[in-house]
mmCIF file of all heavy atoms, coordinates in Angstrom:
data_MODEL
# 
_entry.id   MODEL 
# 
loop_
_atom_site.group_PDB 
_atom_site.id 
_atom_site.type_symbol 
_atom_site.label_atom_id 
_atom_site.label_alt_id 
_atom_site.label_comp_id 
_atom_site.label_asym_id 
_atom_site.label_entity_id 
_atom_site.label_seq_id 
_atom_site.pdbx_PDB_ins_code 
_atom_site.Cartn_x 
_atom_site.Cartn_y 
_atom_site.Cartn_z 
_atom_site.occupancy 
_atom_site.B_iso_or_equiv 
_atom_site.pdbx_formal_charge 
_atom_site.auth_seq_id 
_atom_site.auth_comp_id 
_atom_site.auth_asym_id 
_atom_site.auth_atom_id 
_atom_site.pdbx_PDB_model_num 
ATOM 1   N N   . GLY A 1 1  ? 109.739 316.017 205.748 1.00 0.00 ? 1  GLY A N   1 
ATOM 2   C CA  . GLY A 1 1  ? 110.144 316.081 204.348 1.00 0.00 ? 1  GLY A CA  1 
ATOM 3   C C   . GLY A 1 1  ? 111.584 316.458 204.120 1.00 0.00 ? 1  GLY A C   1 
ATOM 4   O O   . GLY A 1 1  ? 112.027 316.569 202.982 1.00 0.00 ? 1  GLY A O   1 
ATOM 5   N N   . ASN A 1 2  ? 112.360 316.673 205.177 1.00 0.00 ? 2  ASN A N   1 
ATOM 6   C CA  . ASN A 1 2  ? 113.744 317.113 205.011 1.00 0.00 ? 2  ASN A CA  1 
ATOM 7   C C   . ASN A 1 2  ? 114.657 316.251 205.872 1.00 0.00 ? 2  ASN A C   1 
ATOM 8   O O   . ASN A 1 2  ? 114.776 316.466 207.081 1.00 0.00 ? 2  ASN A O   1 
ATOM 9   C CB  . ASN A 1 2  ? 113.866 318.597 205.399 1.00 0.00 ? 2  ASN A CB  1 
ATOM 10  C CG  . ASN A 1 2  ? 115.172 319.193 204.937 1.00 0.00 ? 2  ASN A CG  1 
ATOM 11  O OD1 . ASN A 1 2  ? 116.137 318.493 204.674 1.00 0.00 ? 2  ASN A OD1 1 
ATOM 12  N ND2 . ASN A 1 2  ? 115.216 320.507 204.837 1.00 0.00 ? 2  ASN A ND2 1 
ATOM 13  N N   . VAL A 1 3  ? 115.306 315.274 205.254 1.00 0.00 ? 3  VAL A N   1 
ATOM 14  C CA  . VAL A 1 3  ? 116.122 314.331 206.017 1.00 0.00 ? 3  VAL A CA  1 
ATOM 15  C C   . VAL A 1 3  ? 117.474 314.911 206.416 1.00 0.00 ? 3  VAL A C   1 
ATOM 16  O O   . VAL A 1 3  ? 118.201 314.302 207.189 1.00 0.00 ? 3  VAL A O   1 
ATOM 17  C CB  . VAL A 1 3  ? 116.354 313.040 205.213 1.00 0.00 ? 3  VAL A CB  1 
ATOM 18  C CG1 . VAL A 1 3  ? 115.091 312.256 205.069 1.00 0.00 ? 3  VAL A CG1 1 
ATOM 19  C CG2 . VAL A 1 3  ? 116.983 313.329 203.858 1.00 0.00 ? 3  VAL A CG2 1 
ATOM 20  N N   . SER A 1 4  ? 117.852 316.074 205.878 1.00 0.00 ? 4  SER A N   1 
ATOM 21  C CA  . SER A 1 4  ? 119.185 316.615 206.167 1.00 0.00 ? 4  SER A CA  1 
ATOM 22  C C   . SER A 1 4  ? 119.191 317.549 207.371 1.00 0.00 ? 4  SER A C   1 
ATOM 23  O O   . SER A 1 4  ? 120.203 318.182 207.654 1.00 0.00 ? 4  SER A O   1 
ATOM 24  C CB  . SER A 1 4  ? 119.737 317.349 204.935 1.00 0.00 ? 4  SER A CB  1 
ATOM 25  O OG  . SER A 1 4  ? 118.909 318.437 204.592 1.00 0.00 ? 4  SER A OG  1 
ATOM 26  N N   . ILE A 1 5  ? 118.065 317.674 208.092 1.00 0.00 ? 5  ILE A N   1 
ATOM 27  C CA  . ILE A 1 5  ? 118.040 318.516 209.292 1.00 0.00 ? 5  ILE A CA  1 
ATOM 28  C C   . ILE A 1 5  ? 117.642 317.690 210.515 1.00 0.00 ? 5  ILE A C   1 
ATOM 29  O O   . ILE A 1 5  ? 117.052 316.613 210.404 1.00 0.00 ? 5  ILE A O   1 
ATOM 30  C CB  . ILE A 1 5  ? 117.075 319.711 209.139 1.00 0.00 ? 5  ILE A CB  1 
ATOM 31  C CG1 . ILE A 1 5  ? 115.608 319.233 209.085 1.00 0.00 ? 5  ILE A CG1 1 
ATOM 32  C CG2 . ILE A 1 5  ? 117.413 320.555 207.926 1.00 0.00 ? 5  ILE A CG2 1 
ATOM 33  C CD1 . ILE A 1 5  ? 114.596 320.366 209.222 1.00 0.00 ? 5  ILE A CD1 1 
ATOM 34  N N   . ASN A 1 6  ? 117.994 318.208 211.691 1.00 0.00 ? 6  ASN A N   1 
ATOM 35  C CA  . ASN A 1 6  ? 117.557 317.652 212.971 1.00 0.00 ? 6  ASN A CA  1 
ATOM 36  C C   . ASN A 1 6  ? 116.895 318.768 213.766 1.00 0.00 ? 6  ASN A C   1 
ATOM 37  O O   . ASN A 1 6  ? 117.268 319.937 213.630 1.00 0.00 ? 6  ASN A O   1 
ATOM 38  C CB  . ASN A 1 6  ? 118.747 317.119 213.791 1.00 0.00 ? 6  ASN A CB  1 
ATOM 39  C CG  . ASN A 1 6  ? 119.366 315.884 213.166 1.00 0.00 ? 6  ASN A CG  1 
ATOM 40  O OD1 . ASN A 1 6  ? 118.683 315.125 212.495 1.00 0.00 ? 6  ASN A OD1 1 
ATOM 41  N ND2 . ASN A 1 6  ? 120.657 315.696 213.373 1.00 0.00 ? 6  ASN A ND2 1 
ATOM 42  N N   . VAL A 1 7  ? 115.939 318.423 214.612 1.00 0.00 ? 7  VAL A N   1 
ATOM 43  C CA  . VAL A 1 7  ? 115.356 319.375 215.564 1.00 0.00 ? 7  VAL A CA  1 
ATOM 44  C C   . VAL A 1 7  ? 115.440 318.723 216.945 1.00 0.00 ? 7  VAL A C   1 
ATOM 45  O O   . VAL A 1 7  ? 114.883 317.647 217.173 1.00 0.00 ? 7  VAL A O   1 
ATOM 46  C CB  . VAL A 1 7  ? 113.893 319.718 215.208 1.00 0.00 ? 7  VAL A CB  1 
ATOM 47  C CG1 . VAL A 1 7  ? 113.298 320.629 216.287 1.00 0.00 ? 7  VAL A CG1 1 
ATOM 48  C CG2 . VAL A 1 7  ? 113.815 320.417 213.855 1.00 0.00 ? 7  VAL A CG2 1 
ATOM 49  N N   . LEU A 1 8  ? 116.168 319.379 217.863 1.00 0.00 ? 8  LEU A N   1 
ATOM 50  C CA  . LEU A 1 8  ? 116.407 318.827 219.194 1.00 0.00 ? 8  LEU A CA  1 
ATOM 51  C C   . LEU A 1 8  ? 115.819 319.756 220.248 1.00 0.00 ? 8  LEU A C   1 
ATOM 52  O O   . LEU A 1 8  ? 115.738 320.973 220.034 1.00 0.00 ? 8  LEU A O   1 
ATOM 53  C CB  . LEU A 1 8  ? 117.915 318.671 219.446 1.00 0.00 ? 8  LEU A CB  1 
ATOM 54  C CG  . LEU A 1 8  ? 118.713 317.887 218.390 1.00 0.00 ? 8  LEU A CG  1 
ATOM 55  C CD1 . LEU A 1 8  ? 120.199 317.991 218.679 1.00 0.00 ? 8  LEU A CD1 1 
ATOM 56  C CD2 . LEU A 1 8  ? 118.274 316.432 218.367 1.00 0.00 ? 8  LEU A CD2 1 
ATOM 57  N N   . PRO A 1 9  ? 115.430 319.220 221.419 1.00 0.00 ? 9  PRO A N   1 
ATOM 58  C CA  . PRO A 1 9  ? 114.944 320.101 222.493 1.00 0.00 ? 9  PRO A CA  1 
ATOM 59  C C   . PRO A 1 9  ? 116.101 320.917 223.070 1.00 0.00 ? 9  PRO A C   1 
ATOM 60  O O   . PRO A 1 9  ? 117.243 320.454 223.114 1.00 0.00 ? 9  PRO A O   1 
ATOM 61  C CB  . PRO A 1 9  ? 114.375 319.116 223.525 1.00 0.00 ? 9  PRO A CB  1 
ATOM 62  C CG  . PRO A 1 9  ? 115.064 317.812 223.236 1.00 0.00 ? 9  PRO A CG  1 
ATOM 63  C CD  . PRO A 1 9  ? 115.359 317.795 221.771 1.00 0.00 ? 9  PRO A CD  1 
ATOM 64  N N   . SER A 1 10 ? 115.816 322.151 223.503 1.00 0.00 ? 10 SER A N   1 
ATOM 65  C CA  . SER A 1 10 ? 116.844 322.969 224.152 1.00 0.00 ? 10 SER A CA  1 
ATOM 66  C C   . SER A 1 10 ? 116.620 322.914 225.659 1.00 0.00 ? 10 SER A C   1 
ATOM 67  O O   . SER A 1 10 ? 115.773 322.164 226.148 1.00 0.00 ? 10 SER A O   1 
ATOM 68  C CB  . SER A 1 10 ? 116.760 324.412 223.641 1.00 0.00 ? 10 SER A CB  1 
ATOM 69  O OG  . SER A 1 10 ? 115.619 325.056 224.166 1.00 0.00 ? 10 SER A OG  1 
ATOM 70  N N   . ASP A 1 11 ? 117.365 323.732 226.413 1.00 0.00 ? 11 ASP A N   1 
ATOM 71  C CA  . ASP A 1 11 ? 117.198 323.729 227.869 1.00 0.00 ? 11 ASP A CA  1 
ATOM 72  C C   . ASP A 1 11 ? 115.987 324.555 228.309 1.00 0.00 ? 11 ASP A C   1 
ATOM 73  O O   . ASP A 1 11 ? 115.727 324.685 229.494 1.00 0.00 ? 11 ASP A O   1 
ATOM 74  C CB  . ASP A 1 11 ? 118.470 324.243 228.552 1.00 0.00 ? 11 ASP A CB  1 
ATOM 75  C CG  . ASP A 1 11 ? 118.920 325.597 227.986 1.00 0.00 ? 11 ASP A CG  1 
ATOM 76  O OD1 . ASP A 1 11 ? 118.215 326.133 227.118 1.00 0.00 ? 11 ASP A OD1 1 
ATOM 77  O OD2 . ASP A 1 11 ? 119.987 326.094 228.411 1.00 0.00 ? 11 ASP A OD2 1 
ATOM 78  N N   . ARG A 1 12 ? 115.253 325.143 227.313 1.00 0.00 ? 12 ARG A N   1 
ATOM 79  C CA  . ARG A 1 12 ? 114.036 325.894 227.615 1.00 0.00 ? 12 ARG A CA  1 
ATOM 80  C C   . ARG A 1 12 ? 112.850 325.239 226.911 1.00 0.00 ? 12 ARG A C   1 
ATOM 81  O O   . ARG A 1 12 ? 112.990 324.741 225.788 1.00 0.00 ? 12 ARG A O   1 
ATOM 82  C CB  . ARG A 1 12 ? 114.171 327.348 227.159 1.00 0.00 ? 12 ARG A CB  1 
ATOM 83  C CG  . ARG A 1 12 ? 115.157 328.155 227.971 1.00 0.00 ? 12 ARG A CG  1 
ATOM 84  C CD  . ARG A 1 12 ? 115.346 329.545 227.389 1.00 0.00 ? 12 ARG A CD  1 
ATOM 85  N NE  . ARG A 1 12 ? 114.070 330.196 227.093 1.00 0.00 ? 12 ARG A NE  1 
ATOM 86  C CZ  . ARG A 1 12 ? 113.991 331.383 226.506 1.00 0.00 ? 12 ARG A CZ  1 
ATOM 87  N NH1 . ARG A 1 12 ? 115.080 332.013 226.125 1.00 0.00 ? 12 ARG A NH1 1 
ATOM 88  N NH2 . ARG A 1 12 ? 112.805 331.919 226.270 1.00 0.00 ? 12 ARG A NH2 1 
ATOM 89  N N   . PRO A 1 13 ? 111.663 325.248 227.527 1.00 0.00 ? 13 PRO A N   1 
ATOM 90  C CA  . PRO A 1 13 ? 110.507 324.573 226.913 1.00 0.00 ? 13 PRO A CA  1 
ATOM 91  C C   . PRO A 1 13 ? 109.925 325.312 225.710 1.00 0.00 ? 13 PRO A C   1 
ATOM 92  O O   . PRO A 1 13 ? 109.123 324.745 224.973 1.00 0.00 ? 13 PRO A O   1 
ATOM 93  C CB  . PRO A 1 13 ? 109.479 324.517 228.061 1.00 0.00 ? 13 PRO A CB  1 
ATOM 94  C CG  . PRO A 1 13 ? 109.844 325.661 228.954 1.00 0.00 ? 13 PRO A CG  1 
ATOM 95  C CD  . PRO A 1 13 ? 111.337 325.807 228.858 1.00 0.00 ? 13 PRO A CD  1 
ATOM 96  N N   . ASP A 1 14 ? 110.312 326.595 225.517 1.00 0.00 ? 14 ASP A N   1 
ATOM 97  C CA  . ASP A 1 14 ? 109.722 327.373 224.425 1.00 0.00 ? 14 ASP A CA  1 
ATOM 98  C C   . ASP A 1 14 ? 110.695 327.604 223.263 1.00 0.00 ? 14 ASP A C   1 
ATOM 99  O O   . ASP A 1 14 ? 110.501 328.495 222.446 1.00 0.00 ? 14 ASP A O   1 
ATOM 100 C CB  . ASP A 1 14 ? 109.201 328.724 224.949 1.00 0.00 ? 14 ASP A CB  1 
ATOM 101 C CG  . ASP A 1 14 ? 110.297 329.550 225.618 1.00 0.00 ? 14 ASP A CG  1 
ATOM 102 O OD1 . ASP A 1 14 ? 111.467 329.094 225.642 1.00 0.00 ? 14 ASP A OD1 1 
ATOM 103 O OD2 . ASP A 1 14 ? 109.998 330.655 226.117 1.00 0.00 ? 14 ASP A OD2 1 
ATOM 104 N N   . SER A 1 15 ? 111.783 326.816 223.197 1.00 0.00 ? 15 SER A N   1 
ATOM 105 C CA  . SER A 1 15 ? 112.728 326.942 222.078 1.00 0.00 ? 15 SER A CA  1 
ATOM 106 C C   . SER A 1 15 ? 113.309 325.578 221.736 1.00 0.00 ? 15 SER A C   1 
ATOM 107 O O   . SER A 1 15 ? 113.334 324.665 222.568 1.00 0.00 ? 15 SER A O   1 
ATOM 108 C CB  . SER A 1 15 ? 113.842 327.940 222.410 1.00 0.00 ? 15 SER A CB  1 
ATOM 109 O OG  . SER A 1 15 ? 114.640 327.473 223.476 1.00 0.00 ? 15 SER A OG  1 
ATOM 110 N N   . TRP A 1 16 ? 113.797 325.457 220.483 1.00 0.00 ? 16 TRP A N   1 
ATOM 111 C CA  . TRP A 1 16 ? 114.335 324.198 219.982 1.00 0.00 ? 16 TRP A CA  1 
ATOM 112 C C   . TRP A 1 16 ? 115.613 324.462 219.211 1.00 0.00 ? 16 TRP A C   1 
ATOM 113 O O   . TRP A 1 16 ? 115.836 325.571 218.705 1.00 0.00 ? 16 TRP A O   1 
ATOM 114 C CB  . TRP A 1 16 ? 113.292 323.510 219.072 1.00 0.00 ? 16 TRP A CB  1 
ATOM 115 C CG  . TRP A 1 16 ? 112.101 323.074 219.838 1.00 0.00 ? 16 TRP A CG  1 
ATOM 116 C CD1 . TRP A 1 16 ? 111.871 321.867 220.408 1.00 0.00 ? 16 TRP A CD1 1 
ATOM 117 C CD2 . TRP A 1 16 ? 110.979 323.895 220.184 1.00 0.00 ? 16 TRP A CD2 1 
ATOM 118 N NE1 . TRP A 1 16 ? 110.677 321.863 221.089 1.00 0.00 ? 16 TRP A NE1 1 
ATOM 119 C CE2 . TRP A 1 16 ? 110.104 323.110 220.971 1.00 0.00 ? 16 TRP A CE2 1 
ATOM 120 C CE3 . TRP A 1 16 ? 110.625 325.217 219.916 1.00 0.00 ? 16 TRP A CE3 1 
ATOM 121 C CZ2 . TRP A 1 16 ? 108.909 323.589 221.478 1.00 0.00 ? 16 TRP A CZ2 1 
ATOM 122 C CZ3 . TRP A 1 16 ? 109.435 325.711 220.434 1.00 0.00 ? 16 TRP A CZ3 1 
ATOM 123 C CH2 . TRP A 1 16 ? 108.587 324.896 221.202 1.00 0.00 ? 16 TRP A CH2 1 
ATOM 124 N N   . ILE A 1 17 ? 116.454 323.445 219.101 1.00 0.00 ? 17 ILE A N   1 
ATOM 125 C CA  . ILE A 1 17 ? 117.730 323.587 218.392 1.00 0.00 ? 17 ILE A CA  1 
ATOM 126 C C   . ILE A 1 17 ? 117.574 323.008 216.994 1.00 0.00 ? 17 ILE A C   1 
ATOM 127 O O   . ILE A 1 17 ? 117.280 321.814 216.830 1.00 0.00 ? 17 ILE A O   1 
ATOM 128 C CB  . ILE A 1 17 ? 118.873 322.877 219.147 1.00 0.00 ? 17 ILE A CB  1 
ATOM 129 C CG1 . ILE A 1 17 ? 119.064 323.519 220.515 1.00 0.00 ? 17 ILE A CG1 1 
ATOM 130 C CG2 . ILE A 1 17 ? 120.173 322.954 218.344 1.00 0.00 ? 17 ILE A CG2 1 
ATOM 131 C CD1 . ILE A 1 17 ? 119.983 322.739 221.441 1.00 0.00 ? 17 ILE A CD1 1 
ATOM 132 N N   . PHE A 1 18 ? 117.726 323.858 215.995 1.00 0.00 ? 18 PHE A N   1 
ATOM 133 C CA  . PHE A 1 18 ? 117.707 323.444 214.591 1.00 0.00 ? 18 PHE A CA  1 
ATOM 134 C C   . PHE A 1 18 ? 119.132 323.108 214.173 1.00 0.00 ? 18 PHE A C   1 
ATOM 135 O O   . PHE A 1 18 ? 120.065 323.868 214.433 1.00 0.00 ? 18 PHE A O   1 
ATOM 136 C CB  . PHE A 1 18 ? 117.158 324.590 213.723 1.00 0.00 ? 18 PHE A CB  1 
ATOM 137 C CG  . PHE A 1 18 ? 117.435 324.427 212.243 1.00 0.00 ? 18 PHE A CG  1 
ATOM 138 C CD1 . PHE A 1 18 ? 116.540 323.779 211.414 1.00 0.00 ? 18 PHE A CD1 1 
ATOM 139 C CD2 . PHE A 1 18 ? 118.611 324.920 211.675 1.00 0.00 ? 18 PHE A CD2 1 
ATOM 140 C CE1 . PHE A 1 18 ? 116.800 323.622 210.060 1.00 0.00 ? 18 PHE A CE1 1 
ATOM 141 C CE2 . PHE A 1 18 ? 118.875 324.779 210.327 1.00 0.00 ? 18 PHE A CE2 1 
ATOM 142 C CZ  . PHE A 1 18 ? 117.972 324.128 209.516 1.00 0.00 ? 18 PHE A CZ  1 
ATOM 143 N N   . GLN A 1 19 ? 119.312 321.941 213.535 1.00 0.00 ? 19 GLN A N   1 
ATOM 144 C CA  . GLN A 1 19 ? 120.624 321.568 212.992 1.00 0.00 ? 19 GLN A CA  1 
ATOM 145 C C   . GLN A 1 19 ? 120.491 321.315 211.499 1.00 0.00 ? 19 GLN A C   1 
ATOM 146 O O   . GLN A 1 19 ? 119.585 320.598 211.061 1.00 0.00 ? 19 GLN A O   1 
ATOM 147 C CB  . GLN A 1 19 ? 121.166 320.301 213.668 1.00 0.00 ? 19 GLN A CB  1 
ATOM 148 C CG  . GLN A 1 19 ? 121.524 320.486 215.130 1.00 0.00 ? 19 GLN A CG  1 
ATOM 149 C CD  . GLN A 1 19 ? 122.145 319.240 215.730 1.00 0.00 ? 19 GLN A CD  1 
ATOM 150 O OE1 . GLN A 1 19 ? 121.942 318.122 215.256 1.00 0.00 ? 19 GLN A OE1 1 
ATOM 151 N NE2 . GLN A 1 19 ? 122.916 319.409 216.786 1.00 0.00 ? 19 GLN A NE2 1 
ATOM 152 N N   . GLY A 1 20 ? 121.357 321.922 210.699 1.00 0.00 ? 20 GLY A N   1 
ATOM 153 C CA  . GLY A 1 20 ? 121.298 321.770 209.249 1.00 0.00 ? 20 GLY A CA  1 
ATOM 154 C C   . GLY A 1 20 ? 122.668 321.889 208.612 1.00 0.00 ? 20 GLY A C   1 
ATOM 155 O O   . GLY A 1 20 ? 123.696 321.800 209.284 1.00 0.00 ? 20 GLY A O   1 
ATOM 156 N N   . ARG A 1 21 ? 122.666 322.122 207.283 1.00 0.00 ? 21 ARG A N   1 
ATOM 157 C CA  . ARG A 1 21 ? 123.912 322.136 206.525 1.00 0.00 ? 21 ARG A CA  1 
ATOM 158 C C   . ARG A 1 21 ? 124.576 323.508 206.453 1.00 0.00 ? 21 ARG A C   1 
ATOM 159 O O   . ARG A 1 21 ? 125.760 323.609 206.204 1.00 0.00 ? 21 ARG A O   1 
ATOM 160 C CB  . ARG A 1 21 ? 123.639 321.653 205.095 1.00 0.00 ? 21 ARG A CB  1 
ATOM 161 C CG  . ARG A 1 21 ? 123.308 320.169 204.990 1.00 0.00 ? 21 ARG A CG  1 
ATOM 162 C CD  . ARG A 1 21 ? 124.573 319.325 205.085 1.00 0.00 ? 21 ARG A CD  1 
ATOM 163 N NE  . ARG A 1 21 ? 124.283 317.925 204.879 1.00 0.00 ? 21 ARG A NE  1 
ATOM 164 C CZ  . ARG A 1 21 ? 124.250 317.342 203.697 1.00 0.00 ? 21 ARG A CZ  1 
ATOM 165 N NH1 . ARG A 1 21 ? 124.461 318.041 202.609 1.00 0.00 ? 21 ARG A NH1 1 
ATOM 166 N NH2 . ARG A 1 21 ? 124.002 316.057 203.593 1.00 0.00 ? 21 ARG A NH2 1 
ATOM 167 N N   . GLY A 1 22 ? 123.803 324.604 206.604 1.00 0.00 ? 22 GLY A N   1 
ATOM 168 C CA  . GLY A 1 22 ? 124.424 325.909 206.438 1.00 0.00 ? 22 GLY A CA  1 
ATOM 169 C C   . GLY A 1 22 ? 123.440 327.036 206.690 1.00 0.00 ? 22 GLY A C   1 
ATOM 170 O O   . GLY A 1 22 ? 122.249 326.818 206.933 1.00 0.00 ? 22 GLY A O   1 
ATOM 171 N N   . GLU A 1 23 ? 123.977 328.266 206.635 1.00 0.00 ? 23 GLU A N   1 
ATOM 172 C CA  . GLU A 1 23 ? 123.162 329.448 206.916 1.00 0.00 ? 23 GLU A CA  1 
ATOM 173 C C   . GLU A 1 23 ? 122.008 329.607 205.929 1.00 0.00 ? 23 GLU A C   1 
ATOM 174 O O   . GLU A 1 23 ? 120.927 330.041 206.300 1.00 0.00 ? 23 GLU A O   1 
ATOM 175 C CB  . GLU A 1 23 ? 124.035 330.700 206.880 1.00 0.00 ? 23 GLU A CB  1 
ATOM 176 C CG  . GLU A 1 23 ? 124.878 330.899 208.131 1.00 0.00 ? 23 GLU A CG  1 
ATOM 177 C CD  . GLU A 1 23 ? 125.759 332.122 208.017 1.00 0.00 ? 23 GLU A CD  1 
ATOM 178 O OE1 . GLU A 1 23 ? 126.820 332.046 207.384 1.00 0.00 ? 23 GLU A OE1 1 
ATOM 179 O OE2 . GLU A 1 23 ? 125.361 333.170 208.552 1.00 0.00 ? 23 GLU A OE2 1 
ATOM 180 N N   . LEU A 1 24 ? 122.248 329.257 204.654 1.00 0.00 ? 24 LEU A N   1 
ATOM 181 C CA  . LEU A 1 24 ? 121.180 329.430 203.660 1.00 0.00 ? 24 LEU A CA  1 
ATOM 182 C C   . LEU A 1 24 ? 120.013 328.501 203.942 1.00 0.00 ? 24 LEU A C   1 
ATOM 183 O O   . LEU A 1 24 ? 118.850 328.884 203.826 1.00 0.00 ? 24 LEU A O   1 
ATOM 184 C CB  . LEU A 1 24 ? 121.729 329.191 202.249 1.00 0.00 ? 24 LEU A CB  1 
ATOM 185 C CG  . LEU A 1 24 ? 120.707 329.359 201.117 1.00 0.00 ? 24 LEU A CG  1 
ATOM 186 C CD1 . LEU A 1 24 ? 120.143 330.778 201.099 1.00 0.00 ? 24 LEU A CD1 1 
ATOM 187 C CD2 . LEU A 1 24 ? 121.333 329.031 199.765 1.00 0.00 ? 24 LEU A CD2 1 
ATOM 188 N N   . GLN A 1 25 ? 120.296 327.265 204.351 1.00 0.00 ? 25 GLN A N   1 
ATOM 189 C CA  . GLN A 1 25 ? 119.221 326.321 204.678 1.00 0.00 ? 25 GLN A CA  1 
ATOM 190 C C   . GLN A 1 25 ? 118.412 326.836 205.866 1.00 0.00 ? 25 GLN A C   1 
ATOM 191 O O   . GLN A 1 25 ? 117.171 326.770 205.865 1.00 0.00 ? 25 GLN A O   1 
ATOM 192 C CB  . GLN A 1 25 ? 119.816 324.943 204.989 1.00 0.00 ? 25 GLN A CB  1 
ATOM 193 C CG  . GLN A 1 25 ? 118.750 323.853 205.091 1.00 0.00 ? 25 GLN A CG  1 
ATOM 194 C CD  . GLN A 1 25 ? 119.339 322.506 205.436 1.00 0.00 ? 25 GLN A CD  1 
ATOM 195 O OE1 . GLN A 1 25 ? 120.315 322.409 206.166 1.00 0.00 ? 25 GLN A OE1 1 
ATOM 196 N NE2 . GLN A 1 25 ? 118.743 321.443 204.915 1.00 0.00 ? 25 GLN A NE2 1 
ATOM 197 N N   . LEU A 1 26 ? 119.097 327.383 206.887 1.00 0.00 ? 26 LEU A N   1 
ATOM 198 C CA  . LEU A 1 26 ? 118.409 327.967 208.030 1.00 0.00 ? 26 LEU A CA  1 
ATOM 199 C C   . LEU A 1 26 ? 117.576 329.180 207.591 1.00 0.00 ? 26 LEU A C   1 
ATOM 200 O O   . LEU A 1 26 ? 116.416 329.324 207.979 1.00 0.00 ? 26 LEU A O   1 
ATOM 201 C CB  . LEU A 1 26 ? 119.440 328.385 209.088 1.00 0.00 ? 26 LEU A CB  1 
ATOM 202 C CG  . LEU A 1 26 ? 118.929 329.225 210.261 1.00 0.00 ? 26 LEU A CG  1 
ATOM 203 C CD1 . LEU A 1 26 ? 117.921 328.431 211.086 1.00 0.00 ? 26 LEU A CD1 1 
ATOM 204 C CD2 . LEU A 1 26 ? 120.083 329.695 211.137 1.00 0.00 ? 26 LEU A CD2 1 
ATOM 205 N N   . ALA A 1 27 ? 118.172 330.039 206.735 1.00 0.00 ? 27 ALA A N   1 
ATOM 206 C CA  . ALA A 1 27 ? 117.470 331.249 206.282 1.00 0.00 ? 27 ALA A CA  1 
ATOM 207 C C   . ALA A 1 27 ? 116.222 330.895 205.481 1.00 0.00 ? 27 ALA A C   1 
ATOM 208 O O   . ALA A 1 27 ? 115.186 331.554 205.614 1.00 0.00 ? 27 ALA A O   1 
ATOM 209 C CB  . ALA A 1 27 ? 118.410 332.110 205.443 1.00 0.00 ? 27 ALA A CB  1 
# 
């Protein structure tokens, strides 16, 4: 439902990289 973010795999199997527009969106 949110086209302005990406979720990518990290170098660990139990964590992921969130990409967005700013700190408030992450918060």
